[in-house]
Amino acid sequence: AELEQLENLYRQAANCYESLANAQLIGQDYPDLLWKAIQCYAQSQDYQKSNQLADRFINVMPRFDQPKALLQKAKNYSNAEQPLSALDALQRCVAIAPDHPSSYEARLFAAQ
């Protein structure tokens, strides 16, 4: 019951961050708000919604900033027991920016 309450709180926070991000589509806070929503949806175990927003993040961010969203997608897929999709996201992460810190984490995650 406690875990379910925590997941609900994360889902509520994610909804709030997503609404704020949508209100700031052209504002400088948009990427940060969207990223917080992505993380909160993942914490609430709503991996599909987290990945949908990660795709939006990838579409609006410069190439060098995309690996962290791809790494999050890989973790979401892994948690949702979709290993092939997780591996694909990890490979894209490393291919886009091999020297990005998230790419190093992606390599480690893939090795596990």
Protein backbone atom coordinates (compact mmCIF):
# COMPACT_ATOMS: atom_id res chain seq x y z
CA ALA A 1 0.00 0.00 0.00
CA GLU A 2 2.85 2.37 0.80
CA LEU A 3 4.54 1.71 -2.54
CA GLU A 4 1.26 2.33 -4.34
CA GLN A 5 0.84 5.66 -2.54
CA LEU A 6 4.37 6.66 -3.50
CA GLU A 7 3.75 5.74 -7.14
CA ASN A 8 0.55 7.82 -7.09
CA LEU A 9 2.47 10.81 -5.71
CA TYR A 10 5.06 10.48 -8.47
CA ARG A 11 2.29 10.21 -11.05
CA GLN A 12 0.64 13.38 -9.69
CA ALA A 13 3.98 15.19 -9.78
CA ALA A 14 4.57 13.98 -13.32
CA ASN A 15 1.17 15.26 -14.41
CA CYS A 16 1.96 18.66 -12.87
CA TYR A 17 5.39 18.86 -14.53
CA GLU A 18 3.92 17.82 -17.86
CA SER A 19 1.22 20.49 -17.61
CA LEU A 20 3.82 23.11 -16.72
CA ALA A 21 6.01 21.99 -19.62
CA ASN A 22 3.08 22.22 -22.02
CA ALA A 23 2.40 25.75 -20.80
CA GLN A 24 6.06 26.64 -21.45
CA LEU A 25 6.46 25.07 -24.91
CA ILE A 26 8.63 27.94 -26.11
CA GLY A 27 10.02 28.97 -22.74
CA GLN A 28 13.50 28.29 -21.48
CA ASP A 29 12.08 26.12 -18.66
CA TYR A 30 10.43 23.68 -21.07
CA PRO A 31 13.30 21.12 -21.25
CA ASP A 32 13.77 21.02 -17.47
CA LEU A 33 10.05 20.67 -16.78
CA LEU A 34 9.69 17.99 -19.43
CA TRP A 35 12.70 16.11 -18.01
CA LYS A 36 11.22 16.18 -14.51
CA ALA A 37 7.95 14.80 -15.88
CA ILE A 38 9.86 12.01 -17.65
CA GLN A 39 11.61 11.04 -14.44
CA CYS A 40 8.47 11.19 -12.31
CA TYR A 41 6.50 9.02 -14.74
CA ALA A 42 9.34 6.49 -14.63
CA GLN A 43 9.28 6.55 -10.82
CA SER A 44 5.52 5.97 -10.89
CA GLN A 45 6.17 2.96 -13.14
CA ASP A 46 4.27 4.53 -16.03
CA TYR A 47 7.04 3.60 -18.45
CA GLN A 48 4.97 4.13 -21.58
CA LYS A 49 4.15 7.74 -20.67
CA SER A 50 7.76 8.36 -19.62
CA ASN A 51 8.94 7.10 -23.02
CA GLN A 52 6.38 9.20 -24.88
CA LEU A 53 7.71 12.32 -23.19
CA ALA A 54 11.29 11.16 -23.71
CA ASP A 55 10.53 11.06 -27.44
CA ARG A 56 9.29 14.66 -27.24
CA PHE A 57 12.46 15.60 -25.35
CA ILE A 58 14.61 13.95 -28.03
CA ASN A 59 12.74 15.82 -30.78
CA VAL A 60 13.30 19.28 -29.26
CA MET A 61 16.77 18.97 -27.81
CA PRO A 62 20.09 19.34 -29.61
CA ARG A 63 21.77 16.06 -30.51
CA PHE A 64 24.29 16.22 -27.66
CA ASP A 65 21.49 16.49 -25.06
CA GLN A 66 19.52 13.49 -26.36
CA PRO A 67 21.51 10.60 -24.78
CA LYS A 68 20.08 11.05 -21.29
CA ALA A 69 16.56 10.63 -22.67
CA LEU A 70 17.61 7.55 -24.63
CA LEU A 71 19.19 6.09 -21.50
CA GLN A 72 15.98 6.73 -19.57
CA LYS A 73 13.99 5.04 -22.35
CA ALA A 74 16.31 2.02 -22.12
CA LYS A 75 15.79 1.80 -18.37
CA ASN A 76 12.03 2.11 -18.87
CA TYR A 77 12.02 -0.66 -21.46
CA SER A 78 14.14 -2.83 -19.22
CA ASN A 79 11.77 -2.30 -16.29
CA ALA A 80 8.84 -3.11 -18.58
CA GLU A 81 10.61 -6.36 -19.56
CA GLN A 82 11.25 -5.28 -23.16
CA PRO A 83 14.98 -6.07 -23.48
CA LEU A 84 15.24 -5.70 -27.26
CA SER A 85 13.76 -2.21 -27.16
CA ALA A 86 16.07 -1.37 -24.25
CA LEU A 87 19.08 -2.53 -26.22
CA ASP A 88 18.01 -0.48 -29.24
CA ALA A 89 17.73 2.67 -27.09
CA LEU A 90 21.14 1.99 -25.55
CA GLN A 91 22.73 1.57 -28.98
CA ARG A 92 21.17 4.83 -30.20
CA CYS A 93 22.40 6.57 -27.05
CA VAL A 94 26.01 5.55 -27.67
CA ALA A 95 25.81 6.22 -31.43
CA ILE A 96 24.49 9.77 -31.04
CA ALA A 97 27.13 11.04 -28.64
CA PRO A 98 29.79 8.48 -27.69
CA ASP A 99 31.52 10.87 -25.29
CA HIS A 100 28.38 11.98 -23.41
CA PRO A 101 28.26 10.84 -19.75
CA SER A 102 24.96 9.05 -20.43
CA SER A 103 26.68 7.03 -23.15
CA TYR A 104 29.18 5.72 -20.64
CA GLU A 105 26.32 4.81 -18.32
CA ALA A 106 24.53 3.18 -21.27
CA ARG A 107 27.54 0.98 -21.95
CA LEU A 108 27.62 -0.10 -18.33
CA PHE A 109 23.86 -0.73 -18.30
CA ALA A 110 24.10 -2.79 -21.49
CA ALA A 111 26.85 -4.94 -19.98
CA GLN A 112 24.66 -5.96 -17.05
